[in-house]
Amino acid sequence: MKRKKKQPPKMFPLLCWDIAAQGMQKLYTNQEVRMLTTLAARFDWKIDIPQLMQKPHEAIVVTDLQQRIYWASPGFLSMTGYTPTFAKNKRPVFLQGRNTSTATRAAIRQAIAGRQPIRAALMNYRKDGTEYLCEVDIVPISNSKNTVTHFVAFEREVPVPPEATDASFSL
């Protein structure tokens, strides 16, 4: 009787990476929920975290009223090239540059000054200098006394429409 040679196991790296990526996304989401829950308790926020987490995003950034970054999620690094630790206490303006629309920046400033939500897209720059169109969905967060204390920005890279610039792109 002939013995069959043992065949090495077949590997499917793309399938494995797909599963790993899904696992990492779930891990990031769990970390984001835990941190937002911690911040909500610390600052007495009245927010619906599960509802907020429905917003599409690659990164979450929490700023104070002066727009200084208080916390950024782990996705901030993969989107921008900057670590959340580097970004802490900086204003998001450090991500902007030559092709960032002044009109979009002004609209965001006006919404923040009025403590209003805003969704916009602006050209940002990664640490390596490459441009990316960033959709930001900024939500003012109030405490139990109905006083806005922070802003939460849900950010993601979006494709640049053909023949569009930051200034001509609207959501």
N, C-alpha and C. Protein backbone atom coordinates (compact mmCIF):
# COMPACT_ATOMS: atom_id res chain seq x y z
N MET A 1 0.83 -1.18 0.00
CA MET A 1 0.00 0.00 0.00
C MET A 1 0.88 1.25 0.00
N LYS A 2 0.56 2.17 -0.89
CA LYS A 2 1.33 3.39 -1.03
C LYS A 2 0.89 4.42 0.00
N ARG A 3 1.86 5.05 0.58
CA ARG A 3 1.57 6.13 1.52
C ARG A 3 1.48 7.45 0.77
N LYS A 4 0.51 8.24 1.13
CA LYS A 4 0.39 9.58 0.54
C LYS A 4 1.34 10.51 1.24
N LYS A 5 1.98 11.33 0.43
CA LYS A 5 2.85 12.36 1.01
C LYS A 5 2.00 13.41 1.69
N LYS A 6 2.48 13.83 2.84
CA LYS A 6 1.77 14.91 3.52
C LYS A 6 1.98 16.21 2.76
N GLN A 7 0.91 16.85 2.47
CA GLN A 7 0.97 18.14 1.79
C GLN A 7 0.99 19.25 2.84
N PRO A 8 1.78 20.26 2.60
CA PRO A 8 1.76 21.39 3.55
C PRO A 8 0.38 22.04 3.49
N PRO A 9 -0.04 22.60 4.59
CA PRO A 9 -1.36 23.25 4.59
C PRO A 9 -1.38 24.42 3.61
N LYS A 10 -2.52 24.59 2.98
CA LYS A 10 -2.68 25.72 2.06
C LYS A 10 -2.91 26.98 2.87
N MET A 11 -2.34 28.04 2.41
CA MET A 11 -2.48 29.31 3.11
C MET A 11 -3.26 30.28 2.23
N PHE A 12 -4.07 31.06 2.87
CA PHE A 12 -4.87 32.05 2.19
C PHE A 12 -4.65 33.40 2.85
N PRO A 13 -3.53 34.04 2.56
CA PRO A 13 -3.18 35.26 3.29
C PRO A 13 -4.20 36.39 3.15
N LEU A 14 -4.82 36.54 1.99
CA LEU A 14 -5.78 37.63 1.85
C LEU A 14 -6.98 37.43 2.75
N LEU A 15 -7.44 36.20 2.85
CA LEU A 15 -8.56 35.94 3.75
C LEU A 15 -8.16 36.22 5.19
N CYS A 16 -6.96 35.84 5.54
CA CYS A 16 -6.50 36.07 6.91
C CYS A 16 -6.41 37.56 7.21
N TRP A 17 -5.90 38.33 6.26
CA TRP A 17 -5.79 39.77 6.48
C TRP A 17 -7.17 40.41 6.59
N ASP A 18 -8.12 39.91 5.80
CA ASP A 18 -9.48 40.44 5.91
C ASP A 18 -10.03 40.22 7.30
N ILE A 19 -9.83 39.03 7.83
CA ILE A 19 -10.31 38.71 9.17
C ILE A 19 -9.58 39.55 10.21
N ALA A 20 -8.26 39.66 10.05
CA ALA A 20 -7.47 40.45 10.99
C ALA A 20 -7.90 41.91 10.97
N ALA A 21 -8.16 42.44 9.78
CA ALA A 21 -8.58 43.84 9.67
C ALA A 21 -9.93 44.06 10.36
N GLN A 22 -10.84 43.11 10.20
CA GLN A 22 -12.13 43.23 10.87
C GLN A 22 -11.95 43.21 12.39
N GLY A 23 -11.06 42.33 12.85
CA GLY A 23 -10.79 42.26 14.28
C GLY A 23 -10.19 43.54 14.81
N MET A 24 -9.26 44.13 14.04
CA MET A 24 -8.64 45.39 14.47
C MET A 24 -9.67 46.51 14.50
N GLN A 25 -10.57 46.55 13.52
CA GLN A 25 -11.60 47.59 13.50
C GLN A 25 -12.49 47.47 14.73
N LYS A 26 -12.85 46.24 15.07
CA LYS A 26 -13.69 46.03 16.26
C LYS A 26 -12.93 46.46 17.52
N LEU A 27 -11.63 46.15 17.57
CA LEU A 27 -10.80 46.54 18.71
C LEU A 27 -10.76 48.06 18.83
N TYR A 28 -10.54 48.75 17.69
CA TYR A 28 -10.53 50.22 17.71
C TYR A 28 -11.87 50.75 18.20
N THR A 29 -12.96 50.20 17.68
CA THR A 29 -14.29 50.66 18.08
C THR A 29 -14.50 50.48 19.58
N ASN A 30 -14.10 49.33 20.12
CA ASN A 30 -14.24 49.10 21.56
C ASN A 30 -13.42 50.10 22.35
N GLN A 31 -12.19 50.39 21.90
CA GLN A 31 -11.34 51.38 22.58
C GLN A 31 -12.00 52.76 22.52
N GLU A 32 -12.55 53.10 21.37
CA GLU A 32 -13.20 54.40 21.21
C GLU A 32 -14.40 54.53 22.15
N VAL A 33 -15.21 53.50 22.22
CA VAL A 33 -16.39 53.53 23.09
C VAL A 33 -15.96 53.65 24.55
N ARG A 34 -14.94 52.87 24.94
CA ARG A 34 -14.47 52.95 26.33
C ARG A 34 -13.97 54.35 26.67
N MET A 35 -13.19 54.94 25.77
CA MET A 35 -12.64 56.26 26.05
C MET A 35 -13.74 57.33 26.07
N LEU A 36 -14.66 57.27 25.12
CA LEU A 36 -15.76 58.24 25.12
C LEU A 36 -16.62 58.08 26.38
N THR A 37 -16.81 56.86 26.83
CA THR A 37 -17.56 56.62 28.07
C THR A 37 -16.82 57.21 29.27
N THR A 38 -15.50 57.02 29.30
CA THR A 38 -14.68 57.59 30.38
C THR A 38 -14.76 59.12 30.37
N LEU A 39 -14.63 59.71 29.19
CA LEU A 39 -14.70 61.17 29.08
C LEU A 39 -16.09 61.69 29.45
N ALA A 40 -17.12 60.96 29.05
CA ALA A 40 -18.49 61.37 29.37
C ALA A 40 -18.70 61.41 30.88
N ALA A 41 -18.14 60.43 31.58
CA ALA A 41 -18.26 60.41 33.05
C ALA A 41 -17.44 61.54 33.67
N ARG A 42 -16.22 61.75 33.17
CA ARG A 42 -15.33 62.77 33.72
C ARG A 42 -15.90 64.17 33.56
N PHE A 43 -16.50 64.45 32.40
CA PHE A 43 -16.97 65.81 32.11
C PHE A 43 -18.49 65.96 32.22
N ASP A 44 -19.16 64.93 32.72
CA ASP A 44 -20.60 64.97 32.93
C ASP A 44 -21.36 65.24 31.63
N TRP A 45 -20.88 64.62 30.53
CA TRP A 45 -21.54 64.80 29.24
C TRP A 45 -22.87 64.07 29.23
N LYS A 46 -23.81 64.65 28.55
CA LYS A 46 -25.04 63.91 28.27
C LYS A 46 -25.04 63.63 26.77
N ILE A 47 -24.58 62.44 26.45
CA ILE A 47 -24.48 62.04 25.04
C ILE A 47 -24.95 60.60 24.90
N ASP A 48 -25.36 60.28 23.70
CA ASP A 48 -25.75 58.92 23.35
C ASP A 48 -24.59 58.32 22.54
N ILE A 49 -23.68 57.66 23.25
CA ILE A 49 -22.47 57.14 22.60
C ILE A 49 -22.80 56.14 21.49
N PRO A 50 -23.70 55.18 21.70
CA PRO A 50 -24.00 54.25 20.59
C PRO A 50 -24.50 54.98 19.33
N GLN A 51 -25.30 56.02 19.52
CA GLN A 51 -25.78 56.78 18.36
C GLN A 51 -24.62 57.52 17.69
N LEU A 52 -23.76 58.14 18.49
CA LEU A 52 -22.61 58.84 17.92
C LEU A 52 -21.71 57.89 17.13
N MET A 53 -21.53 56.69 17.65
CA MET A 53 -20.63 55.73 17.01
C MET A 53 -21.15 55.23 15.67
N GLN A 54 -22.39 55.56 15.33
CA GLN A 54 -22.94 55.19 14.03
C GLN A 54 -22.36 56.06 12.92
N LYS A 55 -21.79 57.19 13.29
CA LYS A 55 -21.23 58.09 12.29
C LYS A 55 -20.03 57.42 11.63
N PRO A 56 -19.95 57.45 10.30
CA PRO A 56 -18.79 56.84 9.64
C PRO A 56 -17.52 57.60 10.01
N HIS A 57 -16.47 56.85 10.31
CA HIS A 57 -15.22 57.51 10.70
C HIS A 57 -14.04 56.55 10.62
N GLU A 58 -12.88 57.14 10.46
CA GLU A 58 -11.61 56.42 10.60
C GLU A 58 -10.95 56.84 11.90
N ALA A 59 -11.24 58.06 12.32
CA ALA A 59 -10.64 58.59 13.55
C ALA A 59 -11.67 59.45 14.27
N ILE A 60 -11.49 59.52 15.58
CA ILE A 60 -12.31 60.40 16.41
C ILE A 60 -11.36 61.35 17.12
N VAL A 61 -11.72 62.63 17.13
CA VAL A 61 -10.91 63.64 17.80
C VAL A 61 -11.81 64.43 18.74
N VAL A 62 -11.41 64.52 20.00
CA VAL A 62 -12.14 65.31 21.00
C VAL A 62 -11.32 66.57 21.26
N THR A 63 -11.97 67.73 21.14
CA THR A 63 -11.28 69.00 21.42
C THR A 63 -12.02 69.74 22.53
N ASP A 64 -11.29 70.65 23.17
CA ASP A 64 -11.92 71.53 24.14
C ASP A 64 -12.51 72.72 23.39
N LEU A 65 -13.02 73.70 24.11
CA LEU A 65 -13.66 74.85 23.47
C LEU A 65 -12.66 75.73 22.71
N GLN A 66 -11.39 75.65 23.07
CA GLN A 66 -10.36 76.42 22.36
C GLN A 66 -9.81 75.62 21.17
N GLN A 67 -10.44 74.51 20.85
CA GLN A 67 -10.10 73.62 19.74
C GLN A 67 -8.76 72.91 19.94
N ARG A 68 -8.29 72.81 21.17
CA ARG A 68 -7.09 72.02 21.45
C ARG A 68 -7.50 70.56 21.56
N ILE A 69 -6.73 69.69 20.93
CA ILE A 69 -7.05 68.27 20.94
C ILE A 69 -6.83 67.70 22.34
N TYR A 70 -7.88 67.14 22.89
CA TYR A 70 -7.82 66.52 24.21
C TYR A 70 -7.52 65.03 24.07
N TRP A 71 -8.11 64.39 23.05
CA TRP A 71 -7.91 62.97 22.81
C TRP A 71 -8.15 62.68 21.33
N ALA A 72 -7.36 61.76 20.79
CA ALA A 72 -7.56 61.27 19.42
C ALA A 72 -7.51 59.75 19.46
N SER A 73 -8.36 59.13 18.68
CA SER A 73 -8.44 57.67 18.66
C SER A 73 -7.23 57.08 17.93
N PRO A 74 -7.00 55.78 18.07
CA PRO A 74 -5.87 55.14 17.39
C PRO A 74 -5.91 55.30 15.87
N GLY A 75 -7.10 55.42 15.29
CA GLY A 75 -7.22 55.60 13.85
C GLY A 75 -6.60 56.90 13.34
N PHE A 76 -6.37 57.84 14.24
CA PHE A 76 -5.75 59.11 13.88
C PHE A 76 -4.36 58.89 13.28
N LEU A 77 -3.62 57.96 13.86
CA LEU A 77 -2.26 57.66 13.37
C LEU A 77 -2.30 57.13 11.94
N SER A 78 -3.17 56.16 11.67
CA SER A 78 -3.20 55.59 10.33
C SER A 78 -3.72 56.58 9.29
N MET A 79 -4.57 57.50 9.70
CA MET A 79 -5.11 58.47 8.76
C MET A 79 -4.14 59.62 8.49
N THR A 80 -3.44 60.08 9.53
CA THR A 80 -2.62 61.29 9.39
C THR A 80 -1.11 61.05 9.44
N GLY A 81 -0.70 59.94 10.03
CA GLY A 81 0.73 59.70 10.24
C GLY A 81 1.23 60.27 11.56
N TYR A 82 0.40 61.02 12.24
CA TYR A 82 0.76 61.60 13.55
C TYR A 82 0.17 60.74 14.67
N THR A 83 0.93 60.56 15.73
CA THR A 83 0.40 59.80 16.87
C THR A 83 -0.59 60.67 17.64
N PRO A 84 -1.55 60.03 18.30
CA PRO A 84 -2.46 60.80 19.15
C PRO A 84 -1.71 61.58 20.23
N THR A 85 -0.61 61.04 20.72
CA THR A 85 0.18 61.74 21.74
C THR A 85 0.77 63.03 21.17
N PHE A 86 1.27 62.98 19.93
CA PHE A 86 1.80 64.17 19.28
C PHE A 86 0.71 65.23 19.12
N ALA A 87 -0.50 64.79 18.77
CA ALA A 87 -1.59 65.73 18.48
C ALA A 87 -2.17 66.37 19.74
N LYS A 88 -2.00 65.73 20.88
CA LYS A 88 -2.62 66.23 22.11
C LYS A 88 -2.16 67.66 22.40
N ASN A 89 -3.12 68.50 22.76
CA ASN A 89 -2.94 69.92 23.07
C ASN A 89 -2.64 70.80 21.86
N LYS A 90 -2.61 70.21 20.67
CA LYS A 90 -2.45 71.01 19.45
C LYS A 90 -3.84 71.28 18.87
N ARG A 91 -3.92 72.32 18.07
CA ARG A 91 -5.15 72.60 17.34
C ARG A 91 -5.08 71.86 16.01
N PRO A 92 -6.20 71.39 15.47
CA PRO A 92 -6.18 70.64 14.22
C PRO A 92 -5.60 71.40 13.03
N VAL A 93 -5.37 72.69 13.18
CA VAL A 93 -4.80 73.48 12.09
C VAL A 93 -3.44 72.94 11.64
N PHE A 94 -2.75 72.18 12.51
CA PHE A 94 -1.44 71.65 12.11
C PHE A 94 -1.57 70.64 10.96
N LEU A 95 -2.78 70.17 10.68
CA LEU A 95 -3.01 69.24 9.57
C LEU A 95 -3.32 69.97 8.26
N GLN A 96 -3.49 71.28 8.34
CA GLN A 96 -3.90 72.04 7.17
C GLN A 96 -2.69 72.66 6.47
N GLY A 97 -2.91 73.08 5.23
CA GLY A 97 -1.80 73.64 4.46
C GLY A 97 -2.26 74.47 3.29
N ARG A 98 -1.41 74.55 2.30
CA ARG A 98 -1.57 75.42 1.15
C ARG A 98 -2.92 75.26 0.44
N ASN A 99 -3.38 74.04 0.25
CA ASN A 99 -4.62 73.82 -0.49
C ASN A 99 -5.86 73.65 0.39
N THR A 100 -5.74 74.00 1.66
CA THR A 100 -6.90 73.95 2.54
C THR A 100 -7.73 75.21 2.30
N SER A 101 -8.99 75.01 2.02
CA SER A 101 -9.88 76.12 1.69
C SER A 101 -10.09 77.06 2.88
N THR A 102 -9.85 78.34 2.66
CA THR A 102 -10.10 79.32 3.72
C THR A 102 -11.60 79.44 3.99
N ALA A 103 -12.42 79.25 2.96
CA ALA A 103 -13.87 79.33 3.14
C ALA A 103 -14.36 78.18 4.03
N THR A 104 -13.84 76.99 3.80
CA THR A 104 -14.24 75.84 4.63
C THR A 104 -13.77 76.04 6.06
N ARG A 105 -12.54 76.52 6.22
CA ARG A 105 -12.03 76.78 7.57
C ARG A 105 -12.90 77.81 8.28
N ALA A 106 -13.31 78.86 7.56
CA ALA A 106 -14.15 79.90 8.16
C ALA A 106 -15.51 79.34 8.56
N ALA A 107 -16.09 78.48 7.73
CA ALA A 107 -17.39 77.88 8.05
C ALA A 107 -17.28 77.01 9.30
N ILE A 108 -16.20 76.27 9.43
CA ILE A 108 -15.99 75.44 10.62
C ILE A 108 -15.82 76.32 11.85
N ARG A 109 -15.00 77.37 11.74
CA ARG A 109 -14.80 78.30 12.87
C ARG A 109 -16.12 78.92 13.31
N GLN A 110 -16.94 79.33 12.33
CA GLN A 110 -18.22 79.96 12.64
C GLN A 110 -19.14 78.98 13.37
N ALA A 111 -19.21 77.74 12.91
CA ALA A 111 -20.05 76.73 13.56
C ALA A 111 -19.57 76.47 14.99
N ILE A 112 -18.27 76.37 15.16
CA ILE A 112 -17.72 76.11 16.50
C ILE A 112 -17.99 77.29 17.42
N ALA A 113 -17.81 78.50 16.92
CA ALA A 113 -18.09 79.70 17.74
C ALA A 113 -19.55 79.74 18.16
N GLY A 114 -20.45 79.27 17.28
CA GLY A 114 -21.87 79.25 17.60
C GLY A 114 -22.30 77.97 18.31
N ARG A 115 -21.32 77.11 18.62
CA ARG A 115 -21.60 75.84 19.32
C ARG A 115 -22.60 74.99 18.53
N GLN A 116 -22.43 75.00 17.19
CA GLN A 116 -23.32 74.27 16.30
C GLN A 116 -22.59 73.10 15.64
N PRO A 117 -23.32 72.04 15.28
CA PRO A 117 -22.68 70.94 14.55
C PRO A 117 -22.39 71.37 13.12
N ILE A 118 -21.41 70.74 12.52
CA ILE A 118 -21.09 71.01 11.12
C ILE A 118 -20.46 69.76 10.51
N ARG A 119 -20.76 69.57 9.25
CA ARG A 119 -20.13 68.51 8.47
C ARG A 119 -19.53 69.17 7.25
N ALA A 120 -18.25 68.95 7.04
CA ALA A 120 -17.55 69.60 5.93
C ALA A 120 -16.40 68.71 5.47
N ALA A 121 -15.83 69.07 4.34
CA ALA A 121 -14.66 68.36 3.84
C ALA A 121 -13.58 69.39 3.56
N LEU A 122 -12.38 69.09 4.02
CA LEU A 122 -11.28 70.01 3.76
C LEU A 122 -10.01 69.23 3.47
N MET A 123 -9.15 69.87 2.70
CA MET A 123 -7.89 69.25 2.33
C MET A 123 -6.95 69.33 3.53
N ASN A 124 -6.51 68.18 3.99
CA ASN A 124 -5.54 68.09 5.07
C ASN A 124 -4.25 67.49 4.54
N TYR A 125 -3.24 67.50 5.38
CA TYR A 125 -1.92 66.99 5.00
C TYR A 125 -1.44 65.99 6.05
N ARG A 126 -0.96 64.86 5.55
CA ARG A 126 -0.38 63.85 6.44
C ARG A 126 1.01 64.30 6.89
N LYS A 127 1.55 63.58 7.83
CA LYS A 127 2.89 63.88 8.33
C LYS A 127 3.92 63.86 7.20
N ASP A 128 3.73 62.96 6.22
CA ASP A 128 4.68 62.87 5.10
C ASP A 128 4.44 63.93 4.03
N GLY A 129 3.46 64.82 4.25
CA GLY A 129 3.20 65.91 3.32
C GLY A 129 2.16 65.62 2.26
N THR A 130 1.67 64.38 2.16
CA THR A 130 0.67 64.07 1.14
C THR A 130 -0.69 64.63 1.56
N GLU A 131 -1.44 65.07 0.56
CA GLU A 131 -2.77 65.63 0.78
C GLU A 131 -3.80 64.51 0.87
N TYR A 132 -4.85 64.77 1.63
CA TYR A 132 -6.02 63.89 1.62
C TYR A 132 -7.24 64.74 1.94
N LEU A 133 -8.35 64.40 1.32
CA LEU A 133 -9.60 65.11 1.58
C LEU A 133 -10.24 64.48 2.81
N CYS A 134 -10.42 65.27 3.84
CA CYS A 134 -10.92 64.79 5.12
C CYS A 134 -12.34 65.29 5.35
N GLU A 135 -13.26 64.34 5.50
CA GLU A 135 -14.62 64.70 5.88
C GLU A 135 -14.66 64.74 7.40
N VAL A 136 -15.10 65.86 7.94
CA VAL A 136 -15.23 65.99 9.40
C VAL A 136 -16.70 66.22 9.73
N ASP A 137 -17.15 65.50 10.73
CA ASP A 137 -18.51 65.66 11.24
C ASP A 137 -18.34 66.06 12.70
N ILE A 138 -18.47 67.36 12.97
CA ILE A 138 -18.17 67.91 14.29
C ILE A 138 -19.46 68.10 15.08
N VAL A 139 -19.46 67.57 16.30
CA VAL A 139 -20.65 67.61 17.15
C VAL A 139 -20.29 68.30 18.47
N PRO A 140 -21.03 69.35 18.85
CA PRO A 140 -20.80 69.95 20.17
C PRO A 140 -21.34 69.02 21.25
N ILE A 141 -20.61 68.90 22.36
CA ILE A 141 -21.01 68.02 23.45
C ILE A 141 -21.32 68.87 24.68
N SER A 142 -22.51 68.67 25.23
CA SER A 142 -22.96 69.43 26.40
C SER A 142 -22.90 68.57 27.65
N ASN A 143 -22.79 69.26 28.78
CA ASN A 143 -22.85 68.56 30.07
C ASN A 143 -24.29 68.57 30.58
N SER A 144 -24.48 68.10 31.80
CA SER A 144 -25.84 68.00 32.36
C SER A 144 -26.48 69.37 32.60
N LYS A 145 -25.68 70.44 32.56
CA LYS A 145 -26.22 71.80 32.73
C LYS A 145 -26.49 72.46 31.38
N ASN A 146 -26.43 71.66 30.31
CA ASN A 146 -26.63 72.14 28.93
C ASN A 146 -25.59 73.15 28.50
N THR A 147 -24.39 73.03 29.02
CA THR A 147 -23.27 73.88 28.63
C THR A 147 -22.34 73.07 27.74
N VAL A 148 -22.06 73.59 26.55
CA VAL A 148 -21.12 72.90 25.66
C VAL A 148 -19.73 72.98 26.28
N THR A 149 -19.10 71.82 26.43
CA THR A 149 -17.77 71.77 27.04
C THR A 149 -16.69 71.27 26.08
N HIS A 150 -17.09 70.52 25.06
CA HIS A 150 -16.14 69.91 24.13
C HIS A 150 -16.81 69.74 22.76
N PHE A 151 -15.99 69.38 21.80
CA PHE A 151 -16.47 68.99 20.48
C PHE A 151 -15.89 67.62 20.17
N VAL A 152 -16.69 66.79 19.50
CA VAL A 152 -16.21 65.50 19.03
C VAL A 152 -16.28 65.54 17.51
N ALA A 153 -15.15 65.26 16.87
CA ALA A 153 -15.09 65.24 15.41
C ALA A 153 -14.89 63.80 14.94
N PHE A 154 -15.77 63.36 14.06
CA PHE A 154 -15.64 62.06 13.42
C PHE A 154 -15.04 62.33 12.05
N GLU A 155 -13.89 61.76 11.81
CA GLU A 155 -13.13 62.09 10.61
C GLU A 155 -12.88 60.86 9.76
N ARG A 156 -12.89 61.07 8.44
CA ARG A 156 -12.53 59.99 7.52
C ARG A 156 -12.03 60.59 6.22
N GLU A 157 -11.18 59.84 5.58
CA GLU A 157 -10.70 60.25 4.27
C GLU A 157 -11.76 59.90 3.25
N VAL A 158 -12.02 60.84 2.34
CA VAL A 158 -12.99 60.60 1.27
C VAL A 158 -12.30 60.86 -0.06
N PRO A 159 -12.77 60.22 -1.13
CA PRO A 159 -12.13 60.45 -2.43
C PRO A 159 -12.37 61.87 -2.91
N VAL A 160 -11.39 62.40 -3.58
CA VAL A 160 -11.53 63.73 -4.17
C VAL A 160 -12.29 63.57 -5.48
N PRO A 161 -13.43 64.24 -5.62
CA PRO A 161 -14.17 64.14 -6.88
C PRO A 161 -13.31 64.67 -8.02
N PRO A 162 -13.45 64.09 -9.22
CA PRO A 162 -12.66 64.57 -10.36
C PRO A 162 -12.83 66.07 -10.56
N GLU A 163 -11.74 66.73 -10.83
CA GLU A 163 -11.72 68.17 -11.11
C GLU A 163 -12.29 69.00 -9.97
N ALA A 164 -12.18 68.51 -8.76
CA ALA A 164 -12.67 69.27 -7.60
C ALA A 164 -11.50 69.62 -6.71
N THR A 165 -11.65 70.73 -6.03
CA THR A 165 -10.67 71.11 -5.02
C THR A 165 -11.41 71.21 -3.70
N ASP A 166 -10.68 71.38 -2.65
CA ASP A 166 -11.28 71.56 -1.32
C ASP A 166 -12.32 72.68 -1.39
N ALA A 167 -11.98 73.76 -2.06
CA ALA A 167 -12.86 74.93 -2.10
C ALA A 167 -14.16 74.64 -2.84
N SER A 168 -14.13 73.72 -3.82
CA SER A 168 -15.33 73.47 -4.60
C SER A 168 -16.09 72.25 -4.15
N PHE A 169 -15.54 71.52 -3.18
CA PHE A 169 -16.19 70.29 -2.71
C PHE A 169 -17.13 70.60 -1.56
N SER A 170 -18.35 70.12 -1.66
CA SER A 170 -19.27 70.32 -0.54
C SER A 170 -19.98 69.01 -0.26
N LEU A 171 -20.45 68.89 0.96
CA LEU A 171 -21.14 67.66 1.38
C LEU A 171 -22.63 67.83 1.27
